[in-house]
Amino acid sequence: MDETGRLLRDAAGFLLQRDGGGAYRLVLLRVPVDHVEKRVRIKGWHIGDDIVEVEGVAAA
């Protein structure tokens, strides 16, 4: 999957607030601290309901 939105951090980890509405909980191997609270593009795959394992995060 390839999705854009705003990267948010909460007590449970990271979320992508999607440009198209809704949100995904993200499973990340690396912590993208430079991208928190910014618009990003993620690439990865669905592993559950609204859960995405991310292989890459970049500025959008």
PDB file of N, CA and C in Angstrom:
ATOM      1  N   MET A   1       0.828  -1.179   0.000  1.00  0.00           N
ATOM      2  CA  MET A   1       0.000   0.000   0.000  1.00  0.00           C
ATOM      3  C   MET A   1       0.871   1.239   0.000  1.00  0.00           C
ATOM      4  N   ASP A   2       0.343   2.298  -0.494  1.00  0.00           N
ATOM      5  CA  ASP A   2       1.024   3.591  -0.572  1.00  0.00           C
ATOM      6  C   ASP A   2      -0.005   4.630  -0.146  1.00  0.00           C
ATOM      7  N   GLU A   3       0.258   5.325   0.953  1.00  0.00           N
ATOM      8  CA  GLU A   3      -0.758   6.217   1.535  1.00  0.00           C
ATOM      9  C   GLU A   3      -0.091   7.496   2.038  1.00  0.00           C
ATOM     10  N   THR A   4      -0.810   8.616   1.965  1.00  0.00           N
ATOM     11  CA  THR A   4      -0.300   9.879   2.489  1.00  0.00           C
ATOM     12  C   THR A   4      -1.198  10.380   3.613  1.00  0.00           C
ATOM     13  N   GLY A   5      -0.593  11.187   4.496  1.00  0.00           N
ATOM     14  CA  GLY A   5      -1.336  11.763   5.600  1.00  0.00           C
ATOM     15  C   GLY A   5      -0.387  12.404   6.593  1.00  0.00           C
ATOM     16  N   ARG A   6      -0.906  12.699   7.780  1.00  0.00           N
ATOM     17  CA  ARG A   6      -0.117  13.334   8.835  1.00  0.00           C
ATOM     18  C   ARG A   6       0.312  12.281   9.846  1.00  0.00           C
ATOM     19  N   LEU A   7       1.603  12.239  10.141  1.00  0.00           N
ATOM     20  CA  LEU A   7       2.142  11.279  11.101  1.00  0.00           C
ATOM     21  C   LEU A   7       1.982  11.827  12.511  1.00  0.00           C
ATOM     22  N   LEU A   8       1.294  11.065  13.358  1.00  0.00           N
ATOM     23  CA  LEU A   8       1.050  11.465  14.740  1.00  0.00           C
ATOM     24  C   LEU A   8       1.640  10.435  15.689  1.00  0.00           C
ATOM     25  N   ARG A   9       1.968  10.890  16.899  1.00  0.00           N
ATOM     26  CA  ARG A   9       2.474   9.980  17.932  1.00  0.00           C
ATOM     27  C   ARG A   9       1.565  10.079  19.144  1.00  0.00           C
ATOM     28  N   ASP A  10       1.242   8.914  19.728  1.00  0.00           N
ATOM     29  CA  ASP A  10       0.473   8.892  20.970  1.00  0.00           C
ATOM     30  C   ASP A  10       1.129   7.900  21.918  1.00  0.00           C
ATOM     31  N   ALA A  11       0.489   7.634  23.044  1.00  0.00           N
ATOM     32  CA  ALA A  11       1.078   6.754  24.059  1.00  0.00           C
ATOM     33  C   ALA A  11       1.302   5.336  23.547  1.00  0.00           C
ATOM     34  N   ALA A  12       0.510   4.905  22.568  1.00  0.00           N
ATOM     35  CA  ALA A  12       0.617   3.538  22.050  1.00  0.00           C
ATOM     36  C   ALA A  12       1.570   3.421  20.867  1.00  0.00           C
ATOM     37  N   GLY A  13       2.042   4.545  20.328  1.00  0.00           N
ATOM     38  CA  GLY A  13       2.948   4.484  19.184  1.00  0.00           C
ATOM     39  C   GLY A  13       2.622   5.542  18.149  1.00  0.00           C
ATOM     40  N   PHE A  14       2.568   5.109  16.880  1.00  0.00           N
ATOM     41  CA  PHE A  14       2.378   6.047  15.779  1.00  0.00           C
ATOM     42  C   PHE A  14       1.089   5.775  15.019  1.00  0.00           C
ATOM     43  N   LEU A  15       0.503   6.867  14.513  1.00  0.00           N
ATOM     44  CA  LEU A  15      -0.710   6.806  13.701  1.00  0.00           C
ATOM     45  C   LEU A  15      -0.483   7.609  12.432  1.00  0.00           C
ATOM     46  N   LEU A  16      -1.138   7.195  11.361  1.00  0.00           N
ATOM     47  CA  LEU A  16      -1.210   8.006  10.158  1.00  0.00           C
ATOM     48  C   LEU A  16      -2.635   8.509  10.042  1.00  0.00           C
ATOM     49  N   GLN A  17      -2.801   9.824  10.150  1.00  0.00           N
ATOM     50  CA  GLN A  17      -4.109  10.444   9.927  1.00  0.00           C
ATOM     51  C   GLN A  17      -4.195  10.653   8.416  1.00  0.00           C
ATOM     52  N   ARG A  18      -4.976   9.810   7.755  1.00  0.00           N
ATOM     53  CA  ARG A  18      -4.990   9.735   6.299  1.00  0.00           C
ATOM     54  C   ARG A  18      -5.596  10.969   5.643  1.00  0.00           C
ATOM     55  N   ASP A  19      -5.031  11.355   4.498  1.00  0.00           N
ATOM     56  CA  ASP A  19      -5.573  12.473   3.725  1.00  0.00           C
ATOM     57  C   ASP A  19      -7.012  12.193   3.307  1.00  0.00           C
ATOM     58  N   GLY A  20      -7.330  10.939   3.015  1.00  0.00           N
ATOM     59  CA  GLY A  20      -8.665  10.564   2.572  1.00  0.00           C
ATOM     60  C   GLY A  20      -9.649  10.323   3.699  1.00  0.00           C
ATOM     61  N   GLY A  21      -9.233  10.552   4.938  1.00  0.00           N
ATOM     62  CA  GLY A  21     -10.097  10.322   6.092  1.00  0.00           C
ATOM     63  C   GLY A  21      -9.748   9.027   6.795  1.00  0.00           C
ATOM     64  N   GLY A  22      -9.960   8.988   8.080  1.00  0.00           N
ATOM     65  CA  GLY A  22      -9.638   7.809   8.878  1.00  0.00           C
ATOM     66  C   GLY A  22      -8.184   7.816   9.310  1.00  0.00           C
ATOM     67  N   ALA A  23      -7.790   6.747   9.979  1.00  0.00           N
ATOM     68  CA  ALA A  23      -6.426   6.649  10.493  1.00  0.00           C
ATOM     69  C   ALA A  23      -5.972   5.198  10.490  1.00  0.00           C
ATOM     70  N   TYR A  24      -4.667   5.017  10.400  1.00  0.00           N
ATOM     71  CA  TYR A  24      -4.043   3.701  10.523  1.00  0.00           C
ATOM     72  C   TYR A  24      -3.104   3.714  11.714  1.00  0.00           C
ATOM     73  N   ARG A  25      -3.111   2.658  12.505  1.00  0.00           N
ATOM     74  CA  ARG A  25      -2.088   2.422  13.522  1.00  0.00           C
ATOM     75  C   ARG A  25      -0.890   1.858  12.766  1.00  0.00           C
ATOM     76  N   LEU A  26       0.311   2.375  13.043  1.00  0.00           N
ATOM     77  CA  LEU A  26       1.492   1.972  12.293  1.00  0.00           C
ATOM     78  C   LEU A  26       2.421   1.109  13.127  1.00  0.00           C
ATOM     79  N   VAL A  27       2.936   0.066  12.507  1.00  0.00           N
ATOM     80  CA  VAL A  27       3.984  -0.767  13.085  1.00  0.00           C
ATOM     81  C   VAL A  27       5.257  -0.391  12.339  1.00  0.00           C
ATOM     82  N   LEU A  28       6.206   0.210  13.054  1.00  0.00           N
ATOM     83  CA  LEU A  28       7.419   0.740  12.432  1.00  0.00           C
ATOM     84  C   LEU A  28       8.658   0.053  12.977  1.00  0.00           C
ATOM     85  N   LEU A  29       9.597  -0.264  12.096  1.00  0.00           N
ATOM     86  CA  LEU A  29      10.871  -0.826  12.529  1.00  0.00           C
ATOM     87  C   LEU A  29      11.827   0.274  12.973  1.00  0.00           C
ATOM     88  N   ARG A  30      11.669   1.464  12.394  1.00  0.00           N
ATOM     89  CA  ARG A  30      12.478   2.623  12.775  1.00  0.00           C
ATOM     90  C   ARG A  30      11.549   3.720  13.284  1.00  0.00           C
ATOM     91  N   VAL A  31      12.049   4.537  14.180  1.00  0.00           N
ATOM     92  CA  VAL A  31      11.249   5.630  14.733  1.00  0.00           C
ATOM     93  C   VAL A  31      11.513   6.890  13.902  1.00  0.00           C
ATOM     94  N   PRO A  32      10.508   7.364  13.161  1.00  0.00           N
ATOM     95  CA  PRO A  32      10.692   8.509  12.263  1.00  0.00           C
ATOM     96  C   PRO A  32      10.489   9.853  12.966  1.00  0.00           C
ATOM     97  N   VAL A  33      11.333  10.168  13.952  1.00  0.00           N
ATOM     98  CA  VAL A  33      11.117  11.362  14.774  1.00  0.00           C
ATOM     99  C   VAL A  33      11.123  12.651  13.957  1.00  0.00           C
ATOM    100  N   ASP A  34      11.852  12.706  12.854  1.00  0.00           N
ATOM    101  CA  ASP A  34      11.910  13.918  12.031  1.00  0.00           C
ATOM    102  C   ASP A  34      10.605  14.187  11.296  1.00  0.00           C
ATOM    103  N   HIS A  35       9.741  13.186  11.183  1.00  0.00           N
ATOM    104  CA  HIS A  35       8.508  13.322  10.414  1.00  0.00           C
ATOM    105  C   HIS A  35       7.248  13.470  11.275  1.00  0.00           C
ATOM    106  N   VAL A  36       7.384  13.417  12.604  1.00  0.00           N
ATOM    107  CA  VAL A  36       6.214  13.503  13.486  1.00  0.00           C
ATOM    108  C   VAL A  36       5.544  14.869  13.331  1.00  0.00           C
ATOM    109  N   GLU A  37       4.211  14.858  13.255  1.00  0.00           N
ATOM    110  CA  GLU A  37       3.380  16.054  13.084  1.00  0.00           C
ATOM    111  C   GLU A  37       3.543  16.683  11.702  1.00  0.00           C
ATOM    112  N   LYS A  38       4.063  15.938  10.736  1.00  0.00           N
ATOM    113  CA  LYS A  38       4.234  16.434   9.369  1.00  0.00           C
ATOM    114  C   LYS A  38       3.493  15.526   8.401  1.00  0.00           C
ATOM    115  N   ARG A  39       3.299  16.032   7.194  1.00  0.00           N
ATOM    116  CA  ARG A  39       2.655  15.243   6.139  1.00  0.00           C
ATOM    117  C   ARG A  39       3.690  14.295   5.551  1.00  0.00           C
ATOM    118  N   VAL A  40       3.322  13.012   5.473  1.00  0.00           N
ATOM    119  CA  VAL A  40       4.249  11.976   5.014  1.00  0.00           C
ATOM    120  C   VAL A  40       3.573  11.035   4.020  1.00  0.00           C
ATOM    121  N   ARG A  41       4.390  10.249   3.357  1.00  0.00           N
ATOM    122  CA  ARG A  41       3.929   9.132   2.526  1.00  0.00           C
ATOM    123  C   ARG A  41       4.515   7.873   3.147  1.00  0.00           C
ATOM    124  N   ILE A  42       3.651   6.876   3.368  1.00  0.00           N
ATOM    125  CA  ILE A  42       4.133   5.600   3.891  1.00  0.00           C
ATOM    126  C   ILE A  42       3.958   4.524   2.832  1.00  0.00           C
ATOM    127  N   LYS A  43       4.830   3.536   2.890  1.00  0.00           N
ATOM    128  CA  LYS A  43       4.702   2.347   2.055  1.00  0.00           C
ATOM    129  C   LYS A  43       4.782   1.148   2.980  1.00  0.00           C
ATOM    130  N   GLY A  44       3.879   0.204   2.774  1.00  0.00           N
ATOM    131  CA  GLY A  44       3.844  -0.975   3.621  1.00  0.00           C
ATOM    132  C   GLY A  44       2.696  -1.872   3.237  1.00  0.00           C
ATOM    133  N   TRP A  45       2.212  -2.674   4.198  1.00  0.00           N
ATOM    134  CA  TRP A  45       1.123  -3.606   3.919  1.00  0.00           C
ATOM    135  C   TRP A  45       0.226  -3.738   5.138  1.00  0.00           C
ATOM    136  N   HIS A  46      -1.063  -4.002   4.862  1.00  0.00           N
ATOM    137  CA  HIS A  46      -2.045  -4.200   5.938  1.00  0.00           C
ATOM    138  C   HIS A  46      -1.745  -5.509   6.665  1.00  0.00           C
ATOM    139  N   ILE A  47      -1.745  -5.470   8.000  1.00  0.00           N
ATOM    140  CA  ILE A  47      -1.567  -6.697   8.783  1.00  0.00           C
ATOM    141  C   ILE A  47      -2.749  -6.927   9.717  1.00  0.00           C
ATOM    142  N   GLY A  48      -3.728  -6.041   9.668  1.00  0.00           N
ATOM    143  CA  GLY A  48      -4.920  -6.170  10.506  1.00  0.00           C
ATOM    144  C   GLY A  48      -5.856  -5.017  10.225  1.00  0.00           C
ATOM    145  N   ASP A  49      -6.972  -4.977  10.956  1.00  0.00           N
ATOM    146  CA  ASP A  49      -7.927  -3.883  10.785  1.00  0.00           C
ATOM    147  C   ASP A  49      -7.273  -2.553  11.141  1.00  0.00           C
ATOM    148  N   ASP A  50      -7.111  -1.705  10.151  1.00  0.00           N
ATOM    149  CA  ASP A  50      -6.522  -0.374  10.333  1.00  0.00           C
ATOM    150  C   ASP A  50      -5.125  -0.419  10.950  1.00  0.00           C
ATOM    151  N   ILE A  51      -4.390  -1.506  10.721  1.00  0.00           N
ATOM    152  CA  ILE A  51      -3.007  -1.634  11.182  1.00  0.00           C
ATOM    153  C   ILE A  51      -2.130  -1.877   9.963  1.00  0.00           C
ATOM    154  N   VAL A  52      -1.051  -1.092   9.861  1.00  0.00           N
ATOM    155  CA  VAL A  52      -0.159  -1.191   8.712  1.00  0.00           C
ATOM    156  C   VAL A  52       1.267  -1.395   9.202  1.00  0.00           C
ATOM    157  N   GLU A  53       1.941  -2.412   8.664  1.00  0.00           N
ATOM    158  CA  GLU A  53       3.371  -2.574   8.903  1.00  0.00           C
ATOM    159  C   GLU A  53       4.081  -1.765   7.836  1.00  0.00           C
ATOM    160  N   VAL A  54       4.891  -0.812   8.276  1.00  0.00           N
ATOM    161  CA  VAL A  54       5.486   0.169   7.376  1.00  0.00           C
ATOM    162  C   VAL A  54       6.918  -0.221   7.047  1.00  0.00           C
ATOM    163  N   GLU A  55       7.241  -0.186   5.736  1.00  0.00           N
ATOM    164  CA  GLU A  55       8.619  -0.428   5.328  1.00  0.00           C
ATOM    165  C   GLU A  55       9.335   0.870   4.997  1.00  0.00           C
ATOM    166  N   GLY A  56       8.587   1.967   4.815  1.00  0.00           N
ATOM    167  CA  GLY A  56       9.222   3.243   4.520  1.00  0.00           C
ATOM    168  C   GLY A  56       8.333   4.427   4.842  1.00  0.00           C
ATOM    169  N   VAL A  57       8.973   5.506   5.335  1.00  0.00           N
ATOM    170  CA  VAL A  57       8.292   6.770   5.616  1.00  0.00           C
ATOM    171  C   VAL A  57       9.121   7.873   4.972  1.00  0.00           C
ATOM    172  N   ALA A  58       8.460   8.760   4.219  1.00  0.00           N
ATOM    173  CA  ALA A  58       9.148   9.880   3.581  1.00  0.00           C
ATOM    174  C   ALA A  58       8.252  11.107   3.628  1.00  0.00           C
ATOM    175  N   ALA A  59       8.870  12.273   3.532  1.00  0.00           N
ATOM    176  CA  ALA A  59       8.093  13.511   3.462  1.00  0.00           C
ATOM    177  C   ALA A  59       7.242  13.489   2.204  1.00  0.00           C
ATOM    178  N   ALA A  60       6.032  14.013   2.306  1.00  0.00           N
ATOM    179  CA  ALA A  60       5.124  14.021   1.142  1.00  0.00           C
ATOM    180  C   ALA A  60       5.117  15.382   0.480  1.00  0.00           C
TER     181      ALA A  60
END
